[in-house]
């Protein structure tokens, strides 16, 4: 899975324009680093110059953020909510579970062929299972169970990093407002049900306590 994530990231960097603005890159990497410091490892973070409101994390410690997300995630805490959620998918091995469930894998899915040719049937399957198929017009959302787990895991993760977990609720409200009849791409692959906000609010007391503990340890991100 790590090889698949790494190769997929190489493909994306070839196919999509990369944001060169130093200030934008520094901001996104500041938030991402605060999150990934809680889980360890050396993560590569790339900001793609894309208008869609989207972000993703891949096995192999790769994170991609579209510039369009920065107009919906309006502050560092809301961006941290998105990145915490995406990193949580990786840590919970959701991509692995999806791949293992597909018959194509048991029949010998070629990872290299899949990621080097994203337009092929194998490539579409591979990209979709990793959660980045939307980049190539293939929508393959995570299950409701995976989404719920990533929401709660991600909420705790952002709180442990010192971000305000209450902004996670505001983020989903913003997502709903941003698209009108056409929701942001992030919502198309990560459905924002009313139950999602309710579930986040139920977990908020624990998350706020985690944030207090983080701040007591000197974790108080100031990315923007």
Foldseek 3Di string as FASTA:
>chain_A
DLVLQVLLVVLCPVVFAFDDDPLVVLLLVLLLCLLCVVVDDDAAETETADLFQDKAAFRNRYIYGYPNVCVLQPDSLQSLLRSLLRVQLVVVCQLVVLLVPDPVVVVPLDSVVLNVCCVDPSVLSSCQSRPNSVVVPRANARDPVSLLSSNLRSLLSSLLSQGQSVCNLVSLVSQVPPQVVHGGPHCSRRPDDPVSSVSSVVCNVVSPVSNVVNVVVVRHRDSD
